[in-house]
Amino acid sequence: MNEAIEILRQHIIKRLGSETSGLELVLSNFKPISTKRNEQLLTQGDTCKYVYFVAKGCLQVYVYDQEMNETTRDIVIEDNWCSELISFGSGQPATENIRAVEPSALLAIDRQGFQLMMETVLQFDKVYKQILEASYANSVYRINTFVSLSALDRIKWLMQNRPTLMTRLSSKLIASYLGINKDVFSRLKSKL
């Protein structure tokens, strides 16, 4: 797991530049977690206890619709952050689920450690704001883009913007992420 810490170190340095005082303190507040494929990290209704940094692997953030079909809000891969931030920040029950799609190497920080870092390491606040802004921008862009695109154009969008997901994930998961039926996805994909 030292490799995971080094990946997080480089991730933070890339965002802070030379302002790295307190970096070792920040890193010491993360605990390494290894997950198996399909391991559940958060279940809707539970309180989200961690913010995860994905050093290696892939996480799915999803909800269930009324027929208990999964709808994927996000797929989070290496060098990115994942959490159910509303539950994490408020302590309220989570409205989303988080699952490891692949065996993953994660670094997790709990709410107490997170708050301590926000209060004592000024640069951590800067990194957190960048994480929030990127997450918000990604979600809004994806939602706005998908609303206006046909199913075929969504597949083309994915192939252009996140091509590694096409070879990494199951058709069912990709269809859920794109918001289209799995059979429709398979049929349209074969036309490309």
Protein backbone atom coordinates (compact mmCIF):
# COMPACT_ATOMS: atom_id res chain seq x y z
CA MET A 1 0.00 0.00 0.00
CA ASN A 2 3.00 2.33 0.07
CA GLU A 3 2.43 2.62 -3.66
CA ALA A 4 -1.09 3.94 -3.00
CA ILE A 5 0.25 6.61 -0.61
CA GLU A 6 2.81 7.66 -3.23
CA ILE A 7 0.04 7.98 -5.85
CA LEU A 8 -1.96 10.18 -3.45
CA ARG A 9 1.17 12.22 -2.63
CA GLN A 10 1.73 12.94 -6.34
CA HIS A 11 -1.97 13.70 -6.84
CA ILE A 12 -1.87 16.35 -4.10
CA ILE A 13 1.49 17.80 -5.20
CA LYS A 14 0.12 18.15 -8.73
CA ARG A 15 -2.68 20.33 -7.33
CA LEU A 16 -0.66 22.34 -4.81
CA GLY A 17 2.61 22.87 -6.61
CA SER A 18 5.34 23.82 -4.16
CA GLU A 19 2.93 24.54 -1.24
CA THR A 20 3.34 21.11 0.38
CA SER A 21 3.85 21.92 4.05
CA GLY A 22 1.65 19.61 6.10
CA LEU A 23 1.53 16.99 3.34
CA GLU A 24 2.90 14.20 5.56
CA LEU A 25 0.29 15.01 8.21
CA VAL A 26 -2.44 14.82 5.56
CA LEU A 27 -1.18 11.48 4.24
CA SER A 28 -0.98 10.04 7.77
CA ASN A 29 -4.75 10.54 8.15
CA PHE A 30 -5.58 8.17 5.28
CA LYS A 31 -5.98 4.47 5.90
CA PRO A 32 -5.34 1.95 3.13
CA ILE A 33 -8.24 -0.29 2.09
CA SER A 34 -8.05 -3.18 -0.35
CA THR A 35 -11.34 -4.28 -1.88
CA LYS A 36 -12.44 -7.31 -3.81
CA ARG A 37 -14.45 -7.18 -7.00
CA ASN A 38 -18.10 -6.23 -6.24
CA GLU A 39 -17.35 -5.35 -2.61
CA GLN A 40 -19.91 -2.90 -1.23
CA LEU A 41 -18.38 0.21 0.36
CA LEU A 42 -21.60 2.10 1.05
CA THR A 43 -25.22 1.01 1.09
CA GLN A 44 -28.07 3.47 0.67
CA GLY A 45 -29.52 4.29 4.10
CA ASP A 46 -26.19 3.90 5.93
CA THR A 47 -24.06 6.89 6.85
CA CYS A 48 -21.12 7.55 4.55
CA LYS A 49 -18.09 7.39 6.83
CA TYR A 50 -15.26 7.96 4.32
CA VAL A 51 -13.97 9.93 1.41
CA TYR A 52 -12.01 7.52 -0.80
CA PHE A 53 -9.06 8.23 -3.04
CA VAL A 54 -8.81 5.60 -5.77
CA ALA A 55 -5.14 4.67 -6.20
CA LYS A 56 -5.98 1.59 -8.26
CA GLY A 57 -9.29 0.13 -9.39
CA CYS A 58 -12.76 1.33 -10.19
CA LEU A 59 -15.80 2.32 -8.10
CA GLN A 60 -19.45 2.63 -9.11
CA VAL A 61 -21.76 5.20 -7.51
CA TYR A 62 -25.38 4.18 -8.09
CA VAL A 63 -28.98 4.20 -6.94
CA TYR A 64 -31.92 1.84 -7.45
CA ASP A 65 -35.06 2.90 -9.25
CA GLN A 66 -38.57 1.76 -8.24
CA GLU A 67 -38.13 -1.57 -10.08
CA MET A 68 -34.77 -2.12 -8.31
CA ASN A 69 -32.77 -1.48 -11.48
CA GLU A 70 -29.39 0.14 -10.95
CA THR A 71 -28.84 3.63 -12.29
CA THR A 72 -25.20 4.62 -12.24
CA ARG A 73 -24.39 8.23 -11.40
CA ASP A 74 -20.65 7.89 -11.75
CA ILE A 75 -17.77 5.56 -12.46
CA VAL A 76 -14.66 6.60 -10.53
CA ILE A 77 -11.27 5.33 -11.67
CA GLU A 78 -7.67 5.83 -10.59
CA ASP A 79 -6.41 9.22 -9.45
CA ASN A 80 -9.89 10.40 -8.47
CA TRP A 81 -11.99 10.82 -5.34
CA CYS A 82 -15.26 9.14 -4.41
CA SER A 83 -17.78 9.64 -1.63
CA GLU A 84 -21.42 10.40 -0.95
CA LEU A 85 -20.55 13.91 0.14
CA ILE A 86 -23.94 14.96 1.50
CA SER A 87 -24.10 11.99 3.87
CA PHE A 88 -20.39 12.30 4.71
CA GLY A 89 -20.72 15.97 5.62
CA SER A 90 -24.07 15.87 7.42
CA GLY A 91 -24.12 12.40 8.99
CA GLN A 92 -27.52 11.81 7.36
CA PRO A 93 -28.34 8.47 5.68
CA ALA A 94 -26.79 8.06 2.24
CA THR A 95 -29.02 8.23 -0.82
CA GLU A 96 -26.47 6.41 -3.01
CA ASN A 97 -24.51 3.17 -3.01
CA ILE A 98 -20.80 2.73 -3.70
CA ARG A 99 -19.33 -0.56 -4.91
CA ALA A 100 -15.88 -1.63 -6.05
CA VAL A 101 -16.29 -2.82 -9.63
CA GLU A 102 -12.74 -4.22 -9.67
CA PRO A 103 -10.28 -5.20 -6.96
CA SER A 104 -9.20 -1.76 -5.77
CA ALA A 105 -6.52 -0.07 -3.69
CA LEU A 106 -8.14 2.85 -1.89
CA LEU A 107 -7.07 5.39 0.68
CA ALA A 108 -9.86 6.43 3.04
CA ILE A 109 -10.15 9.38 5.37
CA ASP A 110 -12.92 9.52 7.96
CA ARG A 111 -14.95 12.57 8.91
CA GLN A 112 -12.91 13.34 12.04
CA GLY A 113 -9.60 13.14 10.15
CA PHE A 114 -11.08 15.13 7.29
CA GLN A 115 -12.29 17.92 9.60
CA LEU A 116 -8.92 18.00 11.35
CA MET A 117 -7.14 18.39 8.01
CA MET A 118 -9.52 21.16 6.93
CA GLU A 119 -8.82 23.06 10.16
CA THR A 120 -5.07 22.51 10.49
CA VAL A 121 -3.65 22.20 6.96
CA LEU A 122 -4.64 25.21 4.89
CA GLN A 123 -3.66 23.57 1.59
CA PHE A 124 -5.98 20.59 2.24
CA ASP A 125 -8.92 22.98 2.04
CA LYS A 126 -7.68 24.08 -1.40
CA VAL A 127 -7.44 20.46 -2.61
CA TYR A 128 -10.92 19.72 -1.25
CA LYS A 129 -12.42 22.71 -3.08
CA GLN A 130 -10.77 21.53 -6.30
CA ILE A 131 -12.25 18.04 -5.75
CA LEU A 132 -15.74 19.49 -5.18
CA GLU A 133 -15.53 21.77 -8.20
CA ALA A 134 -14.32 18.97 -10.48
CA SER A 135 -17.00 16.58 -9.22
CA TYR A 136 -19.76 19.15 -9.68
CA ALA A 137 -18.54 20.21 -13.13
CA ASN A 138 -18.27 16.56 -14.25
CA SER A 139 -21.79 15.72 -13.02
CA VAL A 140 -23.42 18.80 -14.53
CA TYR A 141 -21.59 18.34 -17.84
CA ARG A 142 -22.56 14.67 -18.05
CA ILE A 143 -26.22 15.31 -17.16
CA ASN A 144 -26.55 18.22 -19.58
CA THR A 145 -24.79 16.30 -22.34
CA PHE A 146 -26.82 13.12 -21.87
CA VAL A 147 -30.17 14.92 -21.81
CA SER A 148 -29.55 16.21 -25.32
CA LEU A 149 -27.96 13.07 -26.84
CA SER A 150 -29.54 10.02 -28.41
CA ALA A 151 -28.53 6.60 -27.07
CA LEU A 152 -26.11 6.12 -29.99
CA ASP A 153 -24.56 9.54 -29.41
CA ARG A 154 -24.11 8.71 -25.70
CA ILE A 155 -22.10 5.63 -26.67
CA LYS A 156 -20.01 7.74 -29.07
CA TRP A 157 -19.51 10.30 -26.28
CA LEU A 158 -18.23 7.58 -23.96
CA MET A 159 -15.90 6.20 -26.63
CA GLN A 160 -14.48 9.67 -27.18
CA ASN A 161 -14.36 10.98 -23.59
CA ARG A 162 -13.82 7.87 -21.44
CA PRO A 163 -12.66 5.15 -23.85
CA THR A 164 -11.02 2.92 -21.22
CA LEU A 165 -14.42 2.26 -19.65
CA MET A 166 -15.55 0.47 -22.81
CA THR A 167 -12.95 -2.27 -22.37
CA ARG A 168 -12.92 -2.27 -18.60
CA LEU A 169 -16.59 -2.55 -17.66
CA SER A 170 -19.46 -4.91 -18.40
CA SER A 171 -22.07 -3.91 -20.98
CA LYS A 172 -24.67 -3.84 -18.21
CA LEU A 173 -22.67 -1.33 -16.17
CA ILE A 174 -21.88 0.86 -19.18
CA ALA A 175 -25.56 0.88 -20.19
CA SER A 176 -26.50 1.91 -16.64
CA TYR A 177 -23.92 4.71 -16.72
CA LEU A 178 -25.21 5.93 -20.08
CA GLY A 179 -28.84 5.69 -18.96
CA ILE A 180 -29.90 3.26 -21.68
CA ASN A 181 -31.26 -0.27 -21.74
CA LYS A 182 -28.60 -3.01 -21.84
CA ASP A 183 -30.12 -4.64 -24.95
CA VAL A 184 -30.29 -1.29 -26.74
CA PHE A 185 -26.67 -0.66 -25.79
CA SER A 186 -25.55 -4.03 -27.19
CA ARG A 187 -27.48 -3.52 -30.43
CA LEU A 188 -26.16 0.02 -30.98
CA LYS A 189 -22.60 -0.87 -30.01
CA SER A 190 -22.55 -3.57 -32.70
CA LYS A 191 -23.34 -0.89 -35.30
CA LEU A 192 -20.21 1.12 -34.48
